[in-house]
């Protein structure tokens, strides 16, 4: 395999994480409706206040389209240049690890100090990825 294409694996791991969170989001929404929550809320988002767990997972799903965008673009940039090596892969996999940890904390316990650390680790990892890209060019 072409070494600079190895970044496809951490990118795919992030895609899988996004789909797992989407599945949890769907399950929580269905459960809320079965427990009596007004389904009209999901049409216009203004009929009542959904349960906290529904909001939390919805917000986390949205978050997977914010900072991870910098990760995906960085990986694509590294593959196009092409760049490969230990540090590029290290930063990419560290970001994936941090995002999985962040998802588990946010969706399960939502302990803010732990969640902030996981988010911060991911932010450092994506910054490290970009610094490695810039320094390697």
Protein backbone atom coordinates (compact mmCIF):
# COMPACT_ATOMS: atom_id res chain seq x y z
CA UNK A 1 0.00 0.00 0.00
CA UNK A 2 1.10 3.52 -0.77
CA UNK A 3 2.26 4.90 2.64
CA UNK A 4 0.58 8.29 2.19
CA UNK A 5 -2.78 6.55 1.77
CA UNK A 6 -2.61 5.13 5.31
CA UNK A 7 -4.54 8.18 6.53
CA UNK A 8 -7.63 6.64 4.96
CA UNK A 9 -7.87 4.37 8.03
CA UNK A 10 -8.18 7.06 10.72
CA UNK A 11 -10.51 8.99 8.41
CA UNK A 12 -12.67 5.88 8.04
CA UNK A 13 -12.63 5.42 11.82
CA UNK A 14 -14.05 8.94 12.17
CA UNK A 15 -16.74 8.13 9.60
CA UNK A 16 -17.66 5.02 11.59
CA UNK A 17 -17.81 7.08 14.80
CA UNK A 18 -20.13 9.56 13.09
CA UNK A 19 -22.47 6.76 12.01
CA UNK A 20 -22.42 5.18 15.47
CA UNK A 21 -23.40 8.50 17.06
CA UNK A 22 -26.12 8.92 14.39
CA UNK A 23 -27.46 5.50 15.35
CA UNK A 24 -27.51 6.43 19.04
CA UNK A 25 -29.23 9.70 18.13
CA UNK A 26 -31.93 7.86 16.16
CA UNK A 27 -32.44 5.33 18.95
CA UNK A 28 -32.80 8.11 21.55
CA UNK A 29 -35.28 10.01 19.40
CA UNK A 30 -37.43 6.92 18.81
CA UNK A 31 -37.35 6.09 22.52
CA UNK A 32 -38.38 9.65 23.44
CA UNK A 33 -41.34 9.52 21.06
CA UNK A 34 -42.39 6.11 22.40
CA UNK A 35 -42.30 7.59 25.89
CA UNK A 36 -44.70 10.36 24.84
CA UNK A 37 -42.49 13.12 23.48
CA UNK A 38 -44.20 15.08 20.68
CA UNK A 39 -42.80 13.84 17.37
CA UNK A 40 -43.63 17.23 15.80
CA UNK A 41 -40.57 18.61 17.55
CA UNK A 42 -38.33 16.87 15.01
CA UNK A 43 -40.18 18.53 12.13
CA UNK A 44 -39.63 22.16 13.14
CA UNK A 45 -37.64 21.89 16.42
CA UNK A 46 -40.12 24.11 18.27
CA UNK A 47 -42.72 21.78 19.84
CA UNK A 48 -41.63 21.31 23.42
CA UNK A 49 -38.28 20.54 25.00
CA UNK A 50 -36.80 17.10 24.24
CA UNK A 51 -35.24 15.00 26.99
CA UNK A 52 -31.70 15.97 27.93
CA UNK A 53 -30.21 12.76 26.50
CA UNK A 54 -31.77 13.49 23.11
CA UNK A 55 -30.33 17.02 23.10
CA UNK A 56 -26.92 15.83 24.27
CA UNK A 57 -26.52 13.25 21.50
CA UNK A 58 -27.95 15.65 18.90
CA UNK A 59 -25.37 18.25 19.93
CA UNK A 60 -22.60 15.69 19.83
CA UNK A 61 -23.61 14.62 16.33
CA UNK A 62 -23.47 18.26 15.21
CA UNK A 63 -20.06 18.59 16.86
CA UNK A 64 -18.76 15.79 14.63
CA UNK A 65 -19.09 18.23 11.71
CA UNK A 66 -17.12 21.03 13.34
CA UNK A 67 -13.53 20.36 14.54
CA UNK A 68 -13.31 17.05 12.62
CA UNK A 69 -13.56 19.03 9.38
CA UNK A 70 -10.04 20.34 10.09
CA UNK A 71 -8.94 16.73 10.62
CA UNK A 72 -10.41 15.50 7.34
CA UNK A 73 -8.94 18.40 5.36
CA UNK A 74 -5.56 17.91 7.03
CA UNK A 75 -5.54 14.22 6.18
CA UNK A 76 -6.49 14.96 2.58
CA UNK A 77 -3.80 17.65 2.36
CA UNK A 78 -1.19 15.23 3.73
CA UNK A 79 -2.22 12.58 1.20
CA UNK A 80 -2.13 15.05 -1.69
CA UNK A 81 1.29 16.53 -0.88
CA UNK A 82 2.12 13.47 -0.27
CA UNK A 83 3.25 13.15 3.32
CA UNK A 84 3.54 10.00 5.35
CA UNK A 85 5.41 8.88 8.40
CA UNK A 86 5.17 8.31 12.09
CA UNK A 87 4.11 11.81 13.18
CA UNK A 88 1.40 12.28 10.57
CA UNK A 89 -0.12 8.94 11.55
CA UNK A 90 0.41 9.58 15.25
CA UNK A 91 -1.51 12.87 15.19
CA UNK A 92 -4.29 11.39 13.05
CA UNK A 93 -4.83 8.37 15.31
CA UNK A 94 -4.53 10.49 18.45
CA UNK A 95 -7.32 12.68 17.11
CA UNK A 96 -9.51 9.62 16.48
CA UNK A 97 -8.79 8.28 19.97
CA UNK A 98 -9.63 11.66 21.52
CA UNK A 99 -12.88 11.93 19.56
CA UNK A 100 -14.00 8.44 20.54
CA UNK A 101 -13.21 9.26 24.16
CA UNK A 102 -15.02 12.60 23.83
CA UNK A 103 -18.09 10.85 22.39
CA UNK A 104 -18.18 8.27 25.18
CA UNK A 105 -17.88 10.92 27.87
CA UNK A 106 -20.37 13.32 26.27
CA UNK A 107 -23.01 10.70 25.53
CA UNK A 108 -22.68 8.64 28.72
CA UNK A 109 -21.66 10.67 31.77
CA UNK A 110 -21.19 14.19 30.37
CA UNK A 111 -18.69 15.06 33.09
CA UNK A 112 -17.50 18.46 31.92
CA UNK A 113 -13.87 18.32 33.18
CA UNK A 114 -13.31 14.93 31.49
CA UNK A 115 -15.09 16.06 28.36
CA UNK A 116 -12.97 19.21 28.16
CA UNK A 117 -9.77 17.17 28.46
CA UNK A 118 -10.86 14.80 25.69
CA UNK A 119 -11.87 17.70 23.46
CA UNK A 120 -8.61 19.51 24.21
CA UNK A 121 -6.59 16.40 23.35
CA UNK A 122 -8.38 16.23 20.00
CA UNK A 123 -7.75 19.92 19.36
CA UNK A 124 -4.06 19.49 20.12
CA UNK A 125 -3.92 16.43 17.85
CA UNK A 126 -5.47 18.20 14.86
CA UNK A 127 -3.20 21.20 15.44
CA UNK A 128 -0.22 18.82 15.64
CA UNK A 129 -1.29 17.24 12.36
CA UNK A 130 -1.43 20.63 10.67
CA UNK A 131 1.90 21.79 12.14
CA UNK A 132 3.50 18.58 10.88
CA UNK A 133 2.04 19.21 7.43
CA UNK A 134 3.28 22.80 7.32
CA UNK A 135 6.75 21.92 8.61
CA UNK A 136 7.07 19.06 6.11
CA UNK A 137 6.31 21.14 3.04
